[in-house]
Amino acid sequence: MNVKDYINLIDTELLPNINLSVLNPFDPIVVENRSSSWKTIGCGNYAGVFLHESYPDLVVKVYGRNHAELVNEMEVYQKLGIHETFSRLYAYGENYLVLKKLEGITLFNALIKGIQIPKLVIEDIDDGLEYARSVGLNPFDVHGKNVVMFAGRGYIVDVSDFYKQGYCQKWDDLKKAYYKIYRPFLFKYHPPIPFSVVDGIRKGYRMYRRLKRKWKK
């Protein structure tokens, strides 16, 4: 793997051929990709993620807004170093990060497709979060859409909020649901669950958390 050649492809083939725009401050980035060799594989609130056909083990995360978030994420990866639960930072530029590509299916999509989620996946994530705390980070915003499983093991694909302060209980709540509902009632004969049902649960949980915060004030 030649990271220098990869960076050259970013500068000459990717960045001149993409446009990242924001239609609404609360919506994810909108990606326009005119490159023939780079594939858009994801987009979030701040960045798009791209894969080059010749480098299947790497991805580049290009930030379209809020450069401070790029710096925060870069510093998170530098603290994490090399750990099996997380991606790895290989290089960075003014508006992008070069990362190790993590394979797998999100727990959110595993529910929809009826794919069993082994207990080891949950334990791997717990181990990774404990490691992150041990290097001075604060695991934040860990949920079923940014945790993946591959070959029966668990991985965390988004650490961009690990610099934030405070307690985020999303992962703890997901674990409670896993052990109290999923393991006893769904795991053995895991049926596919319609997207509308899983997404409805996700939205209902978010509304519940917002209302609970208001009740506390």
N, C-alpha and C. Protein backbone atom coordinates (compact mmCIF):
# COMPACT_ATOMS: atom_id res chain seq x y z
N MET A 1 0.84 -1.19 0.00
CA MET A 1 0.00 0.00 0.00
C MET A 1 0.89 1.25 0.00
N ASN A 2 0.71 2.09 -0.99
CA ASN A 2 1.49 3.31 -1.10
C ASN A 2 0.58 4.50 -0.82
N VAL A 3 0.66 5.01 0.41
CA VAL A 3 -0.22 6.10 0.82
C VAL A 3 0.06 7.36 0.02
N LYS A 4 1.35 7.57 -0.35
CA LYS A 4 1.71 8.75 -1.12
C LYS A 4 1.00 8.76 -2.47
N ASP A 5 0.97 7.59 -3.16
CA ASP A 5 0.26 7.50 -4.43
C ASP A 5 -1.24 7.72 -4.24
N TYR A 6 -1.76 7.21 -3.13
CA TYR A 6 -3.18 7.37 -2.84
C TYR A 6 -3.53 8.84 -2.66
N ILE A 7 -2.70 9.56 -1.93
CA ILE A 7 -2.93 10.99 -1.73
C ILE A 7 -2.88 11.74 -3.06
N ASN A 8 -1.99 11.32 -3.93
CA ASN A 8 -1.91 11.95 -5.26
C ASN A 8 -3.22 11.76 -6.02
N LEU A 9 -3.84 10.57 -5.90
CA LEU A 9 -5.13 10.32 -6.55
C LEU A 9 -6.23 11.18 -5.93
N ILE A 10 -6.16 11.39 -4.64
CA ILE A 10 -7.13 12.27 -3.99
C ILE A 10 -7.04 13.67 -4.57
N ASP A 11 -5.81 14.16 -4.68
CA ASP A 11 -5.60 15.54 -5.13
C ASP A 11 -5.92 15.73 -6.62
N THR A 12 -5.67 14.71 -7.43
CA THR A 12 -5.82 14.88 -8.88
C THR A 12 -7.13 14.34 -9.44
N GLU A 13 -7.68 13.29 -8.84
CA GLU A 13 -8.86 12.64 -9.40
C GLU A 13 -10.14 12.83 -8.57
N LEU A 14 -9.97 12.94 -7.26
CA LEU A 14 -11.17 13.03 -6.42
C LEU A 14 -11.60 14.47 -6.16
N LEU A 15 -10.76 15.24 -5.49
CA LEU A 15 -11.18 16.58 -5.06
C LEU A 15 -11.64 17.48 -6.19
N PRO A 16 -10.97 17.44 -7.39
CA PRO A 16 -11.46 18.30 -8.48
C PRO A 16 -12.81 17.86 -9.04
N ASN A 17 -13.25 16.63 -8.72
CA ASN A 17 -14.45 16.07 -9.33
C ASN A 17 -15.60 15.84 -8.37
N ILE A 18 -15.51 16.40 -7.19
CA ILE A 18 -16.63 16.27 -6.26
C ILE A 18 -17.05 17.65 -5.78
N ASN A 19 -18.31 17.73 -5.42
CA ASN A 19 -18.84 18.95 -4.82
C ASN A 19 -19.69 18.55 -3.63
N LEU A 20 -19.37 19.11 -2.47
CA LEU A 20 -20.12 18.83 -1.25
C LEU A 20 -20.89 20.08 -0.88
N SER A 21 -22.21 19.95 -0.80
CA SER A 21 -23.04 21.13 -0.53
C SER A 21 -23.98 20.86 0.64
N VAL A 22 -24.51 21.93 1.18
CA VAL A 22 -25.43 21.85 2.31
C VAL A 22 -26.72 22.56 1.92
N LEU A 23 -27.81 21.79 1.83
CA LEU A 23 -29.10 22.38 1.47
C LEU A 23 -29.83 22.92 2.68
N ASN A 24 -29.57 22.28 3.83
CA ASN A 24 -30.21 22.67 5.08
C ASN A 24 -29.21 22.44 6.20
N PRO A 25 -29.08 23.38 7.13
CA PRO A 25 -28.08 23.24 8.19
C PRO A 25 -28.24 21.97 9.02
N PHE A 26 -29.45 21.39 9.05
CA PHE A 26 -29.70 20.21 9.87
C PHE A 26 -29.70 18.91 9.06
N ASP A 27 -29.45 19.01 7.75
CA ASP A 27 -29.44 17.82 6.89
C ASP A 27 -28.01 17.38 6.60
N PRO A 28 -27.83 16.10 6.22
CA PRO A 28 -26.49 15.63 5.85
C PRO A 28 -25.96 16.36 4.61
N ILE A 29 -24.66 16.26 4.43
CA ILE A 29 -23.99 16.79 3.24
C ILE A 29 -24.59 16.15 1.98
N VAL A 30 -24.74 16.93 0.92
CA VAL A 30 -25.16 16.40 -0.38
C VAL A 30 -23.92 16.28 -1.26
N VAL A 31 -23.69 15.07 -1.79
CA VAL A 31 -22.47 14.79 -2.56
C VAL A 31 -22.77 14.71 -4.04
N GLU A 32 -22.03 15.49 -4.82
CA GLU A 32 -22.04 15.35 -6.28
C GLU A 32 -20.67 14.80 -6.69
N ASN A 33 -20.66 13.61 -7.27
CA ASN A 33 -19.41 12.93 -7.60
C ASN A 33 -19.34 12.68 -9.10
N ARG A 34 -18.40 13.35 -9.77
CA ARG A 34 -18.24 13.20 -11.21
C ARG A 34 -17.04 12.33 -11.58
N SER A 35 -16.38 11.75 -10.59
CA SER A 35 -15.20 10.93 -10.84
C SER A 35 -15.60 9.54 -11.34
N SER A 36 -14.81 9.00 -12.24
CA SER A 36 -15.08 7.66 -12.77
C SER A 36 -14.37 6.56 -11.96
N SER A 37 -13.41 6.94 -11.13
CA SER A 37 -12.63 5.94 -10.39
C SER A 37 -12.88 5.95 -8.89
N TRP A 38 -13.59 6.96 -8.41
CA TRP A 38 -13.92 7.05 -6.99
C TRP A 38 -15.41 6.84 -6.80
N LYS A 39 -15.76 5.99 -5.83
CA LYS A 39 -17.16 5.69 -5.55
C LYS A 39 -17.55 6.32 -4.22
N THR A 40 -18.71 6.98 -4.19
CA THR A 40 -19.25 7.51 -2.94
C THR A 40 -19.87 6.37 -2.15
N ILE A 41 -19.39 6.14 -0.94
CA ILE A 41 -19.93 5.02 -0.15
C ILE A 41 -20.67 5.50 1.11
N GLY A 42 -20.69 6.80 1.35
CA GLY A 42 -21.43 7.30 2.50
C GLY A 42 -21.35 8.80 2.61
N CYS A 43 -22.27 9.37 3.38
CA CYS A 43 -22.21 10.79 3.67
C CYS A 43 -22.89 11.03 5.01
N GLY A 44 -22.42 12.05 5.70
CA GLY A 44 -22.96 12.38 7.01
C GLY A 44 -23.21 13.86 7.15
N ASN A 45 -23.24 14.33 8.37
CA ASN A 45 -23.55 15.74 8.62
C ASN A 45 -22.45 16.68 8.14
N TYR A 46 -21.20 16.18 8.13
CA TYR A 46 -20.08 17.06 7.81
C TYR A 46 -19.28 16.61 6.59
N ALA A 47 -19.37 15.33 6.21
CA ALA A 47 -18.41 14.80 5.24
C ALA A 47 -19.02 13.73 4.36
N GLY A 48 -18.33 13.49 3.22
CA GLY A 48 -18.62 12.37 2.36
C GLY A 48 -17.47 11.37 2.44
N VAL A 49 -17.76 10.11 2.22
CA VAL A 49 -16.74 9.05 2.29
C VAL A 49 -16.63 8.39 0.92
N PHE A 50 -15.36 8.22 0.46
CA PHE A 50 -15.13 7.76 -0.91
C PHE A 50 -14.14 6.60 -0.93
N LEU A 51 -14.34 5.71 -1.92
CA LEU A 51 -13.50 4.52 -2.09
C LEU A 51 -12.94 4.51 -3.51
N HIS A 52 -11.62 4.28 -3.64
CA HIS A 52 -11.00 4.15 -4.95
C HIS A 52 -10.91 2.67 -5.32
N GLU A 53 -11.21 2.35 -6.56
CA GLU A 53 -11.25 0.96 -7.01
C GLU A 53 -9.93 0.22 -6.84
N SER A 54 -8.82 0.93 -6.87
CA SER A 54 -7.51 0.29 -6.75
C SER A 54 -7.02 0.15 -5.31
N TYR A 55 -7.74 0.76 -4.36
CA TYR A 55 -7.34 0.72 -2.94
C TYR A 55 -8.53 0.30 -2.09
N PRO A 56 -8.93 -0.97 -2.15
CA PRO A 56 -10.14 -1.41 -1.44
C PRO A 56 -10.02 -1.40 0.08
N ASP A 57 -8.80 -1.27 0.62
CA ASP A 57 -8.60 -1.28 2.07
C ASP A 57 -8.57 0.11 2.68
N LEU A 58 -8.71 1.16 1.84
CA LEU A 58 -8.66 2.54 2.32
C LEU A 58 -9.92 3.30 1.92
N VAL A 59 -10.27 4.28 2.72
CA VAL A 59 -11.31 5.23 2.34
C VAL A 59 -10.79 6.64 2.65
N VAL A 60 -11.38 7.62 1.99
CA VAL A 60 -11.05 9.01 2.31
C VAL A 60 -12.34 9.70 2.72
N LYS A 61 -12.26 10.37 3.84
CA LYS A 61 -13.41 11.12 4.37
C LYS A 61 -13.15 12.60 4.10
N VAL A 62 -13.95 13.18 3.22
CA VAL A 62 -13.76 14.58 2.81
C VAL A 62 -14.80 15.45 3.50
N TYR A 63 -14.32 16.42 4.23
CA TYR A 63 -15.21 17.33 4.96
C TYR A 63 -15.70 18.45 4.05
N GLY A 64 -17.00 18.71 4.10
CA GLY A 64 -17.58 19.77 3.29
C GLY A 64 -17.89 21.01 4.08
N ARG A 65 -17.82 20.91 5.40
CA ARG A 65 -18.07 22.07 6.26
C ARG A 65 -17.47 21.80 7.64
N ASN A 66 -17.32 22.87 8.41
CA ASN A 66 -16.87 22.80 9.79
C ASN A 66 -15.51 22.12 9.93
N HIS A 67 -14.47 22.85 9.51
CA HIS A 67 -13.11 22.32 9.55
C HIS A 67 -12.70 21.92 10.96
N ALA A 68 -13.27 22.55 11.97
CA ALA A 68 -12.93 22.21 13.36
C ALA A 68 -13.28 20.76 13.66
N GLU A 69 -14.35 20.24 13.04
CA GLU A 69 -14.73 18.85 13.27
C GLU A 69 -13.70 17.90 12.69
N LEU A 70 -13.11 18.25 11.56
CA LEU A 70 -12.04 17.44 10.98
C LEU A 70 -10.86 17.36 11.94
N VAL A 71 -10.48 18.49 12.50
CA VAL A 71 -9.36 18.51 13.45
C VAL A 71 -9.68 17.66 14.67
N ASN A 72 -10.90 17.77 15.17
CA ASN A 72 -11.30 16.97 16.32
C ASN A 72 -11.22 15.48 16.03
N GLU A 73 -11.73 15.08 14.85
CA GLU A 73 -11.72 13.66 14.51
C GLU A 73 -10.29 13.16 14.30
N MET A 74 -9.45 13.97 13.68
CA MET A 74 -8.06 13.60 13.48
C MET A 74 -7.38 13.35 14.83
N GLU A 75 -7.63 14.22 15.79
CA GLU A 75 -7.02 14.07 17.11
C GLU A 75 -7.56 12.84 17.84
N VAL A 76 -8.83 12.51 17.62
CA VAL A 76 -9.39 11.29 18.21
C VAL A 76 -8.65 10.07 17.68
N TYR A 77 -8.47 9.99 16.36
CA TYR A 77 -7.78 8.84 15.78
C TYR A 77 -6.33 8.77 16.23
N GLN A 78 -5.70 9.90 16.39
CA GLN A 78 -4.32 9.90 16.87
C GLN A 78 -4.24 9.35 18.28
N LYS A 79 -5.22 9.63 19.11
CA LYS A 79 -5.25 9.06 20.46
C LYS A 79 -5.56 7.56 20.44
N LEU A 80 -6.43 7.16 19.54
CA LEU A 80 -6.79 5.74 19.47
C LEU A 80 -5.63 4.89 18.98
N GLY A 81 -4.82 5.43 18.07
CA GLY A 81 -3.71 4.66 17.54
C GLY A 81 -4.21 3.45 16.77
N ILE A 82 -3.65 2.29 17.08
CA ILE A 82 -4.04 1.04 16.40
C ILE A 82 -4.77 0.15 17.39
N HIS A 83 -6.04 -0.11 17.09
CA HIS A 83 -6.86 -0.99 17.93
C HIS A 83 -7.84 -1.71 17.03
N GLU A 84 -8.07 -3.00 17.31
CA GLU A 84 -8.85 -3.84 16.40
C GLU A 84 -10.31 -3.40 16.26
N THR A 85 -10.85 -2.65 17.21
CA THR A 85 -12.26 -2.26 17.14
C THR A 85 -12.51 -1.05 16.26
N PHE A 86 -11.44 -0.30 15.96
CA PHE A 86 -11.61 0.97 15.27
C PHE A 86 -10.86 0.99 13.94
N SER A 87 -11.23 1.97 13.12
CA SER A 87 -10.45 2.26 11.92
C SER A 87 -9.10 2.83 12.35
N ARG A 88 -8.29 3.19 11.36
CA ARG A 88 -6.95 3.71 11.64
C ARG A 88 -6.68 4.89 10.72
N LEU A 89 -6.09 5.94 11.26
CA LEU A 89 -5.75 7.12 10.47
C LEU A 89 -4.38 6.93 9.84
N TYR A 90 -4.32 6.98 8.49
CA TYR A 90 -3.05 6.84 7.77
C TYR A 90 -2.45 8.17 7.35
N ALA A 91 -3.32 9.13 7.03
CA ALA A 91 -2.83 10.44 6.57
C ALA A 91 -3.99 11.42 6.62
N TYR A 92 -3.67 12.69 6.43
CA TYR A 92 -4.73 13.70 6.42
C TYR A 92 -4.27 14.88 5.57
N GLY A 93 -5.26 15.60 5.07
CA GLY A 93 -5.00 16.80 4.30
C GLY A 93 -5.80 17.95 4.85
N GLU A 94 -5.86 19.02 4.12
CA GLU A 94 -6.54 20.23 4.60
C GLU A 94 -8.01 19.98 4.88
N ASN A 95 -8.65 19.12 4.07
CA ASN A 95 -10.08 18.88 4.27
C ASN A 95 -10.45 17.39 4.20
N TYR A 96 -9.48 16.50 4.44
CA TYR A 96 -9.81 15.08 4.38
C TYR A 96 -8.94 14.25 5.33
N LEU A 97 -9.47 13.04 5.62
CA LEU A 97 -8.74 12.04 6.40
C LEU A 97 -8.66 10.77 5.58
N VAL A 98 -7.51 10.11 5.59
CA VAL A 98 -7.34 8.81 4.95
C VAL A 98 -7.40 7.74 6.04
N LEU A 99 -8.38 6.83 5.91
CA LEU A 99 -8.66 5.87 6.96
C LEU A 99 -8.68 4.43 6.44
N LYS A 100 -8.43 3.51 7.35
CA LYS A 100 -8.60 2.09 7.04
C LYS A 100 -10.08 1.80 6.84
N LYS A 101 -10.42 1.04 5.80
CA LYS A 101 -11.81 0.69 5.54
C LYS A 101 -12.24 -0.47 6.44
N LEU A 102 -13.34 -0.30 7.12
CA LEU A 102 -13.90 -1.36 7.95
C LEU A 102 -15.05 -2.03 7.20
N GLU A 103 -14.97 -3.35 7.08
CA GLU A 103 -16.04 -4.10 6.42
C GLU A 103 -17.15 -4.40 7.42
N GLY A 104 -18.33 -4.71 6.91
CA GLY A 104 -19.38 -5.18 7.80
C GLY A 104 -20.73 -4.56 7.52
N ILE A 105 -21.72 -5.03 8.25
CA ILE A 105 -23.09 -4.54 8.16
C ILE A 105 -23.44 -3.87 9.48
N THR A 106 -24.13 -2.75 9.42
CA THR A 106 -24.52 -2.08 10.65
C THR A 106 -25.53 -2.94 11.41
N LEU A 107 -25.59 -2.75 12.72
CA LEU A 107 -26.57 -3.49 13.51
C LEU A 107 -27.99 -3.08 13.10
N PHE A 108 -28.16 -1.85 12.70
CA PHE A 108 -29.45 -1.36 12.20
C PHE A 108 -29.90 -2.19 11.00
N ASN A 109 -28.99 -2.38 10.03
CA ASN A 109 -29.35 -3.14 8.83
C ASN A 109 -29.44 -4.64 9.10
N ALA A 110 -28.67 -5.13 10.09
CA ALA A 110 -28.77 -6.55 10.45
C ALA A 110 -30.17 -6.88 10.96
N LEU A 111 -30.75 -5.98 11.72
CA LEU A 111 -32.13 -6.18 12.19
C LEU A 111 -33.09 -6.26 11.02
N ILE A 112 -32.92 -5.35 10.07
CA ILE A 112 -33.82 -5.30 8.92
C ILE A 112 -33.71 -6.58 8.08
N LYS A 113 -32.50 -7.09 7.91
CA LYS A 113 -32.28 -8.25 7.05
C LYS A 113 -32.43 -9.59 7.77
N GLY A 114 -32.64 -9.56 9.07
CA GLY A 114 -32.81 -10.80 9.80
C GLY A 114 -31.51 -11.56 10.03
N ILE A 115 -30.42 -10.83 10.17
CA ILE A 115 -29.11 -11.45 10.39
C ILE A 115 -28.82 -11.45 11.90
N GLN A 116 -28.50 -12.60 12.44
CA GLN A 116 -28.25 -12.71 13.88
C GLN A 116 -27.08 -11.83 14.32
N ILE A 117 -27.24 -11.20 15.45
CA ILE A 117 -26.20 -10.37 16.05
C ILE A 117 -25.64 -11.13 17.26
N PRO A 118 -24.46 -11.74 17.14
CA PRO A 118 -23.91 -12.53 18.26
C PRO A 118 -23.54 -11.64 19.45
N LYS A 119 -23.54 -12.25 20.63
CA LYS A 119 -23.19 -11.52 21.84
C LYS A 119 -21.76 -11.00 21.77
N LEU A 120 -20.88 -11.71 21.06
CA LEU A 120 -19.48 -11.29 20.96
C LEU A 120 -19.36 -9.92 20.30
N VAL A 121 -20.28 -9.60 19.39
CA VAL A 121 -20.26 -8.29 18.75
C VAL A 121 -20.45 -7.19 19.79
N ILE A 122 -21.42 -7.38 20.67
CA ILE A 122 -21.69 -6.41 21.73
C ILE A 122 -20.49 -6.30 22.67
N GLU A 123 -19.89 -7.44 22.99
CA GLU A 123 -18.73 -7.45 23.89
C GLU A 123 -17.53 -6.76 23.25
N ASP A 124 -17.36 -6.96 21.94
CA ASP A 124 -16.26 -6.27 21.24
C ASP A 124 -16.42 -4.76 21.31
N ILE A 125 -17.64 -4.29 21.11
CA ILE A 125 -17.88 -2.85 21.17
C ILE A 125 -17.60 -2.33 22.58
N ASP A 126 -18.06 -3.06 23.58
CA ASP A 126 -17.78 -2.65 24.97
C ASP A 126 -16.28 -2.57 25.23
N ASP A 127 -15.53 -3.55 24.72
CA ASP A 127 -14.08 -3.54 24.91
C ASP A 127 -13.45 -2.33 24.22
N GLY A 128 -13.93 -2.03 23.01
CA GLY A 128 -13.40 -0.88 22.28
C GLY A 128 -13.70 0.44 22.99
N LEU A 129 -14.89 0.56 23.54
CA LEU A 129 -15.26 1.79 24.25
C LEU A 129 -14.44 1.95 25.52
N GLU A 130 -14.19 0.84 26.20
CA GLU A 130 -13.36 0.91 27.40
C GLU A 130 -11.93 1.32 27.06
N TYR A 131 -11.42 0.79 25.94
CA TYR A 131 -10.09 1.20 25.49
C TYR A 131 -10.06 2.69 25.18
N ALA A 132 -11.10 3.20 24.50
CA ALA A 132 -11.15 4.63 24.17
C ALA A 132 -11.11 5.47 25.44
N ARG A 133 -11.82 5.05 26.45
CA ARG A 133 -11.78 5.79 27.73
C ARG A 133 -10.39 5.75 28.34
N SER A 134 -9.70 4.63 28.17
CA SER A 134 -8.38 4.48 28.79
C SER A 134 -7.34 5.42 28.17
N VAL A 135 -7.60 5.90 26.94
CA VAL A 135 -6.65 6.83 26.31
C VAL A 135 -7.16 8.27 26.36
N GLY A 136 -8.15 8.50 27.23
CA GLY A 136 -8.59 9.87 27.48
C GLY A 136 -9.74 10.36 26.63
N LEU A 137 -10.43 9.47 25.93
CA LEU A 137 -11.55 9.87 25.09
C LEU A 137 -12.88 9.60 25.81
N ASN A 138 -13.94 10.17 25.28
CA ASN A 138 -15.27 10.02 25.86
C ASN A 138 -16.22 9.49 24.79
N PRO A 139 -16.41 8.16 24.69
CA PRO A 139 -17.29 7.60 23.66
C PRO A 139 -18.66 8.27 23.66
N PHE A 140 -19.03 8.81 22.51
CA PHE A 140 -20.24 9.63 22.40
C PHE A 140 -20.93 9.30 21.09
N ASP A 141 -22.25 9.21 21.13
CA ASP A 141 -23.07 8.97 19.94
C ASP A 141 -22.75 7.62 19.28
N VAL A 142 -22.66 6.58 20.09
CA VAL A 142 -22.46 5.22 19.58
C VAL A 142 -23.82 4.55 19.52
N HIS A 143 -24.23 4.13 18.33
CA HIS A 143 -25.58 3.57 18.16
C HIS A 143 -25.57 2.56 17.01
N GLY A 144 -26.74 2.01 16.70
CA GLY A 144 -26.84 0.92 15.75
C GLY A 144 -26.49 1.24 14.32
N LYS A 145 -26.39 2.52 13.98
CA LYS A 145 -26.05 2.90 12.61
C LYS A 145 -24.56 3.16 12.41
N ASN A 146 -23.79 3.27 13.50
CA ASN A 146 -22.35 3.46 13.32
C ASN A 146 -21.52 2.37 14.00
N VAL A 147 -22.19 1.25 14.26
CA VAL A 147 -21.52 0.04 14.75
C VAL A 147 -21.78 -1.06 13.73
N VAL A 148 -20.73 -1.77 13.33
CA VAL A 148 -20.90 -2.82 12.32
C VAL A 148 -20.39 -4.15 12.86
N MET A 149 -20.82 -5.22 12.22
CA MET A 149 -20.27 -6.54 12.54
C MET A 149 -19.79 -7.20 11.25
N PHE A 150 -18.71 -7.95 11.39
CA PHE A 150 -18.12 -8.66 10.25
C PHE A 150 -17.50 -9.94 10.78
N ALA A 151 -17.90 -11.07 10.20
CA ALA A 151 -17.39 -12.38 10.62
C ALA A 151 -17.57 -12.60 12.12
N GLY A 152 -18.71 -12.13 12.64
CA GLY A 152 -19.04 -12.37 14.03
C GLY A 152 -18.36 -11.46 15.03
N ARG A 153 -17.66 -10.43 14.57
CA ARG A 153 -16.98 -9.50 15.48
C ARG A 153 -17.53 -8.08 15.28
N GLY A 154 -17.38 -7.26 16.31
CA GLY A 154 -17.95 -5.93 16.29
C GLY A 154 -16.91 -4.83 16.09
N TYR A 155 -17.29 -3.77 15.38
CA TYR A 155 -16.39 -2.66 15.07
C TYR A 155 -17.16 -1.34 15.15
N ILE A 156 -16.46 -0.27 15.50
CA ILE A 156 -17.05 1.07 15.59
C ILE A 156 -16.52 1.90 14.42
N VAL A 157 -17.42 2.37 13.58
CA VAL A 157 -16.98 3.03 12.35
C VAL A 157 -16.98 4.55 12.42
N ASP A 158 -17.57 5.12 13.46
CA ASP A 158 -17.63 6.58 13.56
C ASP A 158 -17.21 7.01 14.96
N VAL A 159 -16.08 7.69 15.05
CA VAL A 159 -15.57 8.16 16.34
C VAL A 159 -15.51 9.68 16.38
N SER A 160 -16.18 10.33 15.46
CA SER A 160 -16.03 11.77 15.29
C SER A 160 -16.50 12.57 16.49
N ASP A 161 -17.34 11.98 17.35
CA ASP A 161 -17.85 12.71 18.52
C ASP A 161 -17.18 12.30 19.83
N PHE A 162 -16.12 11.52 19.75
CA PHE A 162 -15.49 11.01 20.97
C PHE A 162 -14.75 12.09 21.76
N TYR A 163 -14.64 13.28 21.22
CA TYR A 163 -13.97 14.37 21.93
C TYR A 163 -14.96 15.14 22.82
N LYS A 164 -16.25 14.91 22.64
CA LYS A 164 -17.26 15.68 23.35
C LYS A 164 -17.29 15.30 24.84
N GLN A 165 -17.84 16.22 25.63
CA GLN A 165 -17.97 15.99 27.06
C GLN A 165 -19.38 15.53 27.39
N GLY A 166 -19.54 14.99 28.60
CA GLY A 166 -20.86 14.56 29.04
C GLY A 166 -21.09 13.08 28.81
N TYR A 167 -22.24 12.62 29.28
CA TYR A 167 -22.59 11.20 29.18
C TYR A 167 -23.62 11.00 28.08
N CYS A 168 -23.32 10.13 27.15
CA CYS A 168 -24.26 9.74 26.10
C CYS A 168 -24.69 8.30 26.37
N GLN A 169 -25.98 8.07 26.53
CA GLN A 169 -26.45 6.76 26.94
C GLN A 169 -26.99 5.89 25.81
N LYS A 170 -26.76 6.32 24.56
CA LYS A 170 -27.32 5.57 23.44
C LYS A 170 -26.85 4.12 23.43
N TRP A 171 -25.54 3.91 23.61
CA TRP A 171 -25.03 2.54 23.57
C TRP A 171 -25.55 1.73 24.76
N ASP A 172 -25.60 2.32 25.93
CA ASP A 172 -26.11 1.61 27.10
C ASP A 172 -27.57 1.22 26.90
N ASP A 173 -28.36 2.10 26.30
CA ASP A 173 -29.76 1.78 26.03
C ASP A 173 -29.88 0.68 24.99
N LEU A 174 -29.03 0.72 23.96
CA LEU A 174 -29.04 -0.33 22.95
C LEU A 174 -28.69 -1.68 23.57
N LYS A 175 -27.71 -1.70 24.45
CA LYS A 175 -27.33 -2.95 25.12
C LYS A 175 -28.48 -3.50 25.96
N LYS A 176 -29.18 -2.64 26.67
CA LYS A 176 -30.32 -3.08 27.46
C LYS A 176 -31.37 -3.74 26.58
N ALA A 177 -31.65 -3.11 25.44
CA ALA A 177 -32.63 -3.68 24.50
C ALA A 177 -32.13 -5.02 23.95
N TYR A 178 -30.82 -5.10 23.71
CA TYR A 178 -30.25 -6.34 23.17
C TYR A 178 -30.45 -7.50 24.15
N TYR A 179 -30.10 -7.28 25.40
CA TYR A 179 -30.15 -8.37 26.38
C TYR A 179 -31.56 -8.65 26.90
N LYS A 180 -32.43 -7.64 26.96
CA LYS A 180 -33.76 -7.84 27.52
C LYS A 180 -34.81 -8.23 26.48
N ILE A 181 -34.58 -7.82 25.22
CA ILE A 181 -35.58 -8.07 24.18
C ILE A 181 -35.02 -8.94 23.06
N TYR A 182 -33.88 -8.50 22.51
CA TYR A 182 -33.36 -9.18 21.32
C TYR A 182 -32.93 -10.60 21.62
N ARG A 183 -32.08 -10.82 22.62
CA ARG A 183 -31.56 -12.17 22.91
C ARG A 183 -32.68 -13.16 23.25
N PRO A 184 -33.60 -12.82 24.13
CA PRO A 184 -34.62 -13.82 24.48
C PRO A 184 -35.71 -14.02 23.43
N PHE A 185 -36.01 -13.01 22.63
CA PHE A 185 -37.18 -13.10 21.76
C PHE A 185 -36.88 -13.13 20.26
N LEU A 186 -35.73 -12.61 19.81
CA LEU A 186 -35.47 -12.49 18.39
C LEU A 186 -34.26 -13.27 17.90
N PHE A 187 -33.27 -13.45 18.72
CA PHE A 187 -31.98 -13.96 18.26
C PHE A 187 -32.10 -15.34 17.60
N LYS A 188 -32.76 -16.28 18.24
CA LYS A 188 -32.75 -17.66 17.75
C LYS A 188 -33.42 -17.80 16.39
N TYR A 189 -34.60 -17.22 16.23
CA TYR A 189 -35.32 -17.31 14.95
C TYR A 189 -35.48 -15.89 14.40
N HIS A 190 -34.35 -15.28 14.10
CA HIS A 190 -34.34 -13.85 13.75
C HIS A 190 -35.06 -13.61 12.42
N PRO A 191 -36.27 -13.06 12.46
CA PRO A 191 -36.96 -12.74 11.21
C PRO A 191 -36.51 -11.39 10.68
N PRO A 192 -36.59 -11.19 9.36
CA PRO A 192 -36.37 -9.83 8.85
C PRO A 192 -37.43 -8.91 9.43
N ILE A 193 -37.03 -7.71 9.78
CA ILE A 193 -37.95 -6.72 10.34
C ILE A 193 -38.04 -5.56 9.36
N PRO A 194 -39.23 -5.19 8.94
CA PRO A 194 -39.36 -4.11 7.94
C PRO A 194 -38.63 -2.84 8.37
N PHE A 195 -38.06 -2.18 7.38
CA PHE A 195 -37.35 -0.91 7.64
C PHE A 195 -38.23 0.06 8.39
N SER A 196 -39.49 0.15 8.01
CA SER A 196 -40.38 1.13 8.64
C SER A 196 -40.51 0.88 10.14
N VAL A 197 -40.46 -0.39 10.54
CA VAL A 197 -40.58 -0.72 11.97
C VAL A 197 -39.30 -0.33 12.71
N VAL A 198 -38.14 -0.74 12.15
CA VAL A 198 -36.87 -0.44 12.81
C VAL A 198 -36.63 1.06 12.85
N ASP A 199 -36.92 1.75 11.75
CA ASP A 199 -36.72 3.20 11.72
C ASP A 199 -37.72 3.89 12.64
N GLY A 200 -38.91 3.33 12.74
CA GLY A 200 -39.90 3.91 13.65
C GLY A 200 -39.44 3.80 15.10
N ILE A 201 -38.82 2.67 15.45
CA ILE A 201 -38.28 2.51 16.80
C ILE A 201 -37.17 3.52 17.05
N ARG A 202 -36.30 3.70 16.04
CA ARG A 202 -35.21 4.67 16.16
C ARG A 202 -35.76 6.08 16.40
N LYS A 203 -36.75 6.47 15.60
CA LYS A 203 -37.32 7.82 15.75
C LYS A 203 -38.07 7.97 17.07
N GLY A 204 -38.76 6.89 17.48
CA GLY A 204 -39.46 6.94 18.75
C GLY A 204 -38.50 7.09 19.91
N TYR A 205 -37.35 6.41 19.82
CA TYR A 205 -36.34 6.53 20.87
C TYR A 205 -35.80 7.96 20.94
N ARG A 206 -35.53 8.56 19.78
CA ARG A 206 -35.02 9.93 19.77
C ARG A 206 -36.04 10.89 20.38
N MET A 207 -37.32 10.70 20.06
CA MET A 207 -38.35 11.56 20.62
C MET A 207 -38.44 11.37 22.13
N TYR A 208 -38.34 10.12 22.57
CA TYR A 208 -38.37 9.83 24.01
C TYR A 208 -37.23 10.52 24.73
N ARG A 209 -36.02 10.48 24.15
CA ARG A 209 -34.87 11.12 24.78
C ARG A 209 -35.06 12.64 24.86
N ARG A 210 -35.60 13.23 23.80
CA ARG A 210 -35.83 14.69 23.80
C ARG A 210 -36.84 15.07 24.87
N LEU A 211 -37.93 14.31 24.95
CA LEU A 211 -38.96 14.61 25.94
C LEU A 211 -38.43 14.42 27.35
N LYS A 212 -37.62 13.41 27.55
CA LYS A 212 -37.06 13.17 28.88
C LYS A 212 -36.15 14.30 29.32
N ARG A 213 -35.37 14.83 28.34
CA ARG A 213 -34.51 15.97 28.67
C ARG A 213 -35.34 17.19 29.06
N LYS A 214 -36.48 17.40 28.38
CA LYS A 214 -37.35 18.54 28.71
C LYS A 214 -37.96 18.36 30.10
N TRP A 215 -38.35 17.12 30.43
CA TRP A 215 -38.97 16.87 31.73
C TRP A 215 -38.01 17.15 32.87
N LYS A 216 -36.71 16.95 32.61
CA LYS A 216 -35.71 17.16 33.66
C LYS A 216 -35.46 18.64 33.93
N LYS A 217 -35.77 19.49 32.94
CA LYS A 217 -35.47 20.93 33.08
C LYS A 217 -36.50 21.60 34.00
